[in-house]
N, C-alpha and C. Protein backbone atom coordinates (compact mmCIF):
# COMPACT_ATOMS: atom_id res chain seq x y z
N MET A 1 130.05 91.21 111.04
CA MET A 1 128.98 91.62 111.85
C MET A 1 129.58 91.69 113.43
N ILE A 2 129.15 92.79 114.05
CA ILE A 2 129.61 92.94 115.40
C ILE A 2 128.37 93.05 116.31
N ASP A 3 128.35 92.33 117.33
CA ASP A 3 127.25 92.32 118.26
C ASP A 3 127.07 93.74 118.86
N LEU A 4 125.77 94.18 118.91
CA LEU A 4 125.47 95.51 119.42
C LEU A 4 125.15 95.37 120.86
N PRO A 5 125.92 95.79 121.90
CA PRO A 5 125.51 95.69 123.17
C PRO A 5 124.39 96.63 123.46
N VAL A 6 123.29 96.02 124.14
CA VAL A 6 122.07 96.76 124.40
C VAL A 6 122.04 97.23 125.93
N CYS A 7 121.37 98.37 126.16
CA CYS A 7 121.17 98.94 127.40
C CYS A 7 120.24 98.15 128.26
N ASP A 8 120.28 98.47 129.53
CA ASP A 8 119.37 97.96 130.52
C ASP A 8 119.37 96.56 130.51
N ASP A 9 118.19 95.82 130.74
CA ASP A 9 118.13 94.36 130.87
C ASP A 9 117.41 93.72 129.71
N PHE A 10 117.61 94.27 128.46
CA PHE A 10 117.05 93.72 127.24
C PHE A 10 117.73 92.25 127.01
N THR A 11 116.91 91.46 126.47
CA THR A 11 117.33 90.19 125.78
C THR A 11 117.50 90.36 124.37
N PRO A 12 118.81 90.44 123.75
CA PRO A 12 118.93 90.57 122.33
C PRO A 12 118.70 89.42 121.39
N GLY A 13 118.24 89.69 120.29
CA GLY A 13 118.10 88.53 119.36
C GLY A 13 119.25 88.81 118.27
N GLU A 14 118.84 88.95 116.94
CA GLU A 14 119.76 89.36 115.96
C GLU A 14 120.07 90.76 116.04
N THR A 15 120.95 91.20 117.01
CA THR A 15 121.15 92.61 117.15
C THR A 15 122.71 92.88 116.85
N PHE A 16 122.94 93.62 115.74
CA PHE A 16 124.38 93.70 115.38
C PHE A 16 124.53 94.91 114.45
N TYR A 17 125.74 95.25 114.07
CA TYR A 17 125.94 96.37 113.26
C TYR A 17 127.29 95.91 112.32
N CYS A 18 127.37 96.57 111.24
CA CYS A 18 128.56 96.25 110.35
C CYS A 18 128.63 97.37 109.43
N LYS A 19 129.85 97.41 108.69
CA LYS A 19 130.04 98.46 107.73
C LYS A 19 130.48 97.80 106.41
N ASN A 20 129.99 98.18 105.38
CA ASN A 20 130.46 97.66 103.96
C ASN A 20 131.68 98.33 103.46
N SER A 21 132.00 97.90 102.27
CA SER A 21 133.32 98.47 101.73
C SER A 21 133.28 99.91 101.31
N ILE A 22 132.01 100.44 101.07
CA ILE A 22 131.87 101.86 100.67
C ILE A 22 131.47 102.74 101.85
N GLY A 23 131.55 102.18 103.05
CA GLY A 23 131.25 102.97 104.33
C GLY A 23 129.79 103.13 104.80
N ASP A 24 128.86 102.34 104.09
CA ASP A 24 127.57 102.38 104.62
C ASP A 24 127.46 101.41 105.82
N ILE A 25 126.71 101.89 106.80
CA ILE A 25 126.42 101.23 108.20
C ILE A 25 125.12 100.46 108.01
N PHE A 26 125.14 99.13 108.48
CA PHE A 26 123.87 98.46 108.58
C PHE A 26 123.81 98.12 110.09
N VAL A 27 122.52 98.39 110.47
CA VAL A 27 122.21 98.08 111.93
C VAL A 27 120.91 97.22 112.00
N SER A 28 121.01 96.08 112.73
CA SER A 28 119.86 95.21 112.82
C SER A 28 119.56 95.12 114.47
N ILE A 29 118.29 95.32 114.77
CA ILE A 29 117.96 95.29 116.21
C ILE A 29 116.73 94.41 116.31
N SER A 30 116.87 93.39 117.25
CA SER A 30 115.74 92.51 117.60
C SER A 30 115.90 92.24 119.15
N LEU A 31 115.09 92.84 119.92
CA LEU A 31 115.31 92.57 121.39
C LEU A 31 113.92 92.60 122.12
N SER A 32 113.96 92.17 123.35
CA SER A 32 112.78 92.12 124.19
C SER A 32 113.19 92.09 125.58
N LYS A 33 112.23 92.44 126.44
CA LYS A 33 112.38 92.46 127.88
C LYS A 33 112.07 91.06 128.39
N PRO A 34 112.87 90.55 129.44
CA PRO A 34 112.44 89.34 130.03
C PRO A 34 111.21 89.39 130.87
N SER A 35 110.46 88.20 130.91
CA SER A 35 109.24 88.17 131.58
C SER A 35 108.08 89.13 131.12
N LYS A 36 108.25 89.40 129.75
CA LYS A 36 107.19 90.31 129.23
C LYS A 36 107.03 91.62 129.84
N THR A 37 108.19 92.10 130.48
CA THR A 37 108.22 93.45 131.07
C THR A 37 107.90 94.52 129.98
N GLU A 38 106.98 95.42 130.21
CA GLU A 38 106.68 96.50 129.33
C GLU A 38 107.66 97.66 129.53
N PHE A 39 107.92 98.39 128.42
CA PHE A 39 108.79 99.46 128.46
C PHE A 39 108.28 100.60 127.51
N GLY A 40 108.61 101.93 127.70
CA GLY A 40 108.30 103.08 126.95
C GLY A 40 109.50 103.57 126.18
N ALA A 41 109.51 104.94 126.07
CA ALA A 41 110.53 105.59 125.41
C ALA A 41 111.81 105.46 126.17
N MET A 42 112.94 105.12 125.53
CA MET A 42 114.13 104.91 126.25
C MET A 42 115.29 104.67 125.28
N GLU A 43 116.61 104.75 125.80
CA GLU A 43 117.74 104.65 125.05
C GLU A 43 117.84 102.98 125.04
N ILE A 44 118.13 102.33 123.94
CA ILE A 44 118.35 100.95 123.86
C ILE A 44 119.75 100.48 123.56
N ALA A 45 120.53 101.36 122.93
CA ALA A 45 121.93 100.95 122.61
C ALA A 45 122.69 102.24 122.13
N ILE A 46 124.03 102.10 121.99
CA ILE A 46 124.83 103.19 121.57
C ILE A 46 125.85 102.58 120.62
N LEU A 47 125.90 103.20 119.32
CA LEU A 47 126.88 102.74 118.33
C LEU A 47 128.21 103.34 118.61
N PRO A 48 129.34 102.72 118.39
CA PRO A 48 130.53 103.26 118.58
C PRO A 48 131.02 104.22 117.54
N GLU A 49 131.94 105.13 117.89
CA GLU A 49 132.53 106.09 116.82
C GLU A 49 132.83 105.26 115.54
N GLY A 50 132.74 105.78 114.49
CA GLY A 50 132.98 105.16 113.06
C GLY A 50 131.84 104.43 112.63
N TYR A 51 130.82 104.32 113.42
CA TYR A 51 129.57 103.61 113.07
C TYR A 51 128.26 104.52 113.31
N ARG A 52 128.49 105.75 113.44
CA ARG A 52 127.39 106.72 113.73
C ARG A 52 126.96 107.35 112.44
N PRO A 53 125.75 107.83 112.31
CA PRO A 53 125.34 108.58 111.17
C PRO A 53 125.72 110.10 111.12
N LYS A 54 125.80 110.61 110.06
CA LYS A 54 126.24 112.03 109.79
C LYS A 54 125.15 113.01 110.30
N ALA A 55 123.85 112.53 110.29
CA ALA A 55 122.79 113.27 110.71
C ALA A 55 121.82 112.26 111.42
N VAL A 56 120.94 112.98 112.18
CA VAL A 56 119.89 112.01 112.82
C VAL A 56 119.13 111.24 111.92
N VAL A 57 118.97 109.94 112.19
CA VAL A 57 118.20 109.02 111.39
C VAL A 57 116.90 108.62 112.15
N HIS A 58 115.71 108.82 111.53
CA HIS A 58 114.53 108.39 112.10
C HIS A 58 113.98 107.17 111.24
N ILE A 59 113.61 106.07 111.75
CA ILE A 59 113.11 105.04 111.08
C ILE A 59 111.87 104.45 111.80
N PRO A 60 110.98 103.71 111.14
CA PRO A 60 109.99 102.96 111.79
C PRO A 60 110.45 101.57 112.14
N ALA A 61 110.10 101.11 113.29
CA ALA A 61 110.43 99.71 113.82
C ALA A 61 109.16 99.06 114.12
N LEU A 62 109.13 97.72 114.24
CA LEU A 62 108.03 97.01 114.68
C LEU A 62 108.02 96.74 116.15
N GLY A 63 107.15 97.42 116.78
CA GLY A 63 107.00 96.99 118.27
C GLY A 63 105.98 96.04 118.59
N PHE A 64 106.20 95.33 119.66
CA PHE A 64 105.16 94.35 120.01
C PHE A 64 104.98 94.23 121.49
N ARG A 65 103.85 93.75 121.89
CA ARG A 65 103.54 93.51 123.29
C ARG A 65 102.93 92.02 123.38
N LYS A 66 103.61 91.19 124.20
CA LYS A 66 103.03 89.85 124.37
C LYS A 66 102.35 89.73 125.70
N GLY A 67 101.61 88.79 125.85
CA GLY A 67 100.91 88.66 127.16
C GLY A 67 99.44 88.61 126.89
N THR A 68 98.48 89.09 127.81
CA THR A 68 97.17 88.91 127.72
C THR A 68 96.53 89.79 126.72
N ASP A 69 97.19 90.81 126.34
CA ASP A 69 96.73 91.85 125.35
C ASP A 69 97.69 91.97 124.16
N PRO A 70 98.03 90.87 123.50
CA PRO A 70 99.08 90.94 122.47
C PRO A 70 98.74 91.90 121.29
N ILE A 71 99.70 92.70 120.82
CA ILE A 71 99.52 93.61 119.81
C ILE A 71 100.84 93.88 119.18
N ARG A 72 100.80 94.40 117.76
CA ARG A 72 101.97 94.75 117.06
C ARG A 72 101.66 96.10 116.40
N TRP A 73 102.56 97.08 116.38
CA TRP A 73 102.35 98.28 115.74
C TRP A 73 103.78 99.01 115.46
N VAL A 74 103.75 99.95 114.58
CA VAL A 74 104.99 100.69 114.25
C VAL A 74 105.38 101.66 115.45
N VAL A 75 106.59 101.63 115.75
CA VAL A 75 107.13 102.51 116.77
C VAL A 75 108.27 103.39 116.10
N GLY A 76 108.51 104.60 116.66
CA GLY A 76 109.63 105.37 116.13
C GLY A 76 110.92 104.94 116.69
N LEU A 77 112.13 104.91 115.88
CA LEU A 77 113.35 104.53 116.42
C LEU A 77 114.24 105.72 115.83
N ARG A 78 115.12 106.17 116.75
CA ARG A 78 115.96 107.42 116.28
C ARG A 78 117.48 106.96 116.61
N ILE A 79 118.37 107.25 115.67
CA ILE A 79 119.73 107.14 115.96
C ILE A 79 120.28 108.48 115.73
N ASP A 80 120.99 109.05 116.69
CA ASP A 80 121.61 110.44 116.58
C ASP A 80 123.00 110.32 116.38
N THR A 81 123.64 111.49 116.11
CA THR A 81 125.04 111.60 115.71
C THR A 81 125.95 111.24 116.87
N THR A 82 125.46 110.96 118.09
CA THR A 82 126.34 110.59 119.19
C THR A 82 126.32 109.04 119.20
N GLY A 83 125.52 108.38 118.33
CA GLY A 83 125.38 106.91 118.38
C GLY A 83 124.27 106.38 119.31
N SER A 84 123.55 107.32 119.89
CA SER A 84 122.47 106.89 120.90
C SER A 84 121.30 106.43 120.05
N ILE A 85 120.77 105.21 120.18
CA ILE A 85 119.63 104.67 119.61
C ILE A 85 118.46 104.61 120.57
N THR A 86 117.44 105.38 120.27
CA THR A 86 116.32 105.46 121.29
C THR A 86 115.01 105.09 120.51
N ILE A 87 114.03 104.56 121.25
CA ILE A 87 112.75 104.27 120.77
C ILE A 87 111.74 105.08 121.41
N HIS A 88 110.72 105.41 120.57
CA HIS A 88 109.58 106.37 121.00
C HIS A 88 108.26 105.64 120.70
N PRO A 89 107.87 104.57 121.38
CA PRO A 89 106.52 104.03 121.14
C PRO A 89 105.39 104.83 121.73
N GLU A 90 104.32 104.71 121.01
CA GLU A 90 103.07 105.41 121.47
C GLU A 90 102.48 104.69 122.59
N PHE A 91 102.72 103.40 122.57
CA PHE A 91 102.19 102.54 123.66
C PHE A 91 103.36 101.65 124.30
N ARG A 92 103.23 101.20 125.48
CA ARG A 92 104.19 100.28 126.16
C ARG A 92 104.38 99.08 125.34
N ILE A 93 105.65 98.58 125.17
CA ILE A 93 105.79 97.36 124.42
C ILE A 93 106.79 96.49 125.20
N THR A 94 106.83 95.15 124.74
CA THR A 94 107.76 94.29 125.32
C THR A 94 108.91 93.91 124.44
N GLY A 95 108.93 94.24 123.19
CA GLY A 95 110.03 94.10 122.28
C GLY A 95 109.84 94.76 121.02
N LEU A 96 111.02 94.69 120.19
CA LEU A 96 110.92 95.35 118.92
C LEU A 96 111.92 94.75 117.99
N CYS A 97 111.74 95.10 116.66
CA CYS A 97 112.80 94.71 115.64
C CYS A 97 112.82 95.84 114.61
N ALA A 98 114.03 95.95 114.09
CA ALA A 98 114.11 97.09 113.04
C ALA A 98 115.49 96.81 112.28
N ALA A 99 115.51 97.39 111.07
CA ALA A 99 116.86 97.31 110.36
C ALA A 99 117.00 98.52 109.61
N VAL A 100 118.22 99.07 109.47
CA VAL A 100 118.36 100.35 108.87
C VAL A 100 119.86 100.43 108.27
N THR A 101 119.93 101.11 107.07
CA THR A 101 121.33 101.36 106.61
C THR A 101 121.48 102.86 106.38
N PHE A 102 122.74 103.34 106.66
CA PHE A 102 122.93 104.83 106.54
C PHE A 102 124.38 104.99 106.24
N PRO A 103 124.76 106.14 105.56
CA PRO A 103 126.27 106.41 105.44
C PRO A 103 126.89 106.78 106.77
N ALA A 104 128.14 106.34 107.05
CA ALA A 104 128.75 106.66 108.21
C ALA A 104 129.23 108.20 108.22
N SER A 105 129.46 108.66 109.44
CA SER A 105 129.95 110.05 109.42
C SER A 105 131.41 110.22 109.14
C-alpha cells in the first residue's frame, strides 16, 4: 500500500493505492477538511503513472457534513486517465470516503 497524497489542505485517513499481481489497482480514500470546512466540486488527489485507469471511472462515494446540520449522502467521484481524482457533490461536504478497483492502463 502506498499513501495517496491529497490536494489542498485535506486531512487524510485511510487514503492509499496499490496494485495486485494481475495489475488491478485498488484505491481507498478517506479524508476530511480541518475545522469542518465545507467544500464542493474539486480535485482531491492525482494517481501516478502506472496506477491510472484505461478509461474514466465514475463511482459513488459517501460524503458527509459535520457540524450543526450533520448529513450523509452519496457523491460522485471521478478518476480520469490522467490520474486526476475529482469529487462532484450535490451539496457542500466536510469529508468523504470511497473505495474502487479497476484495471491499470
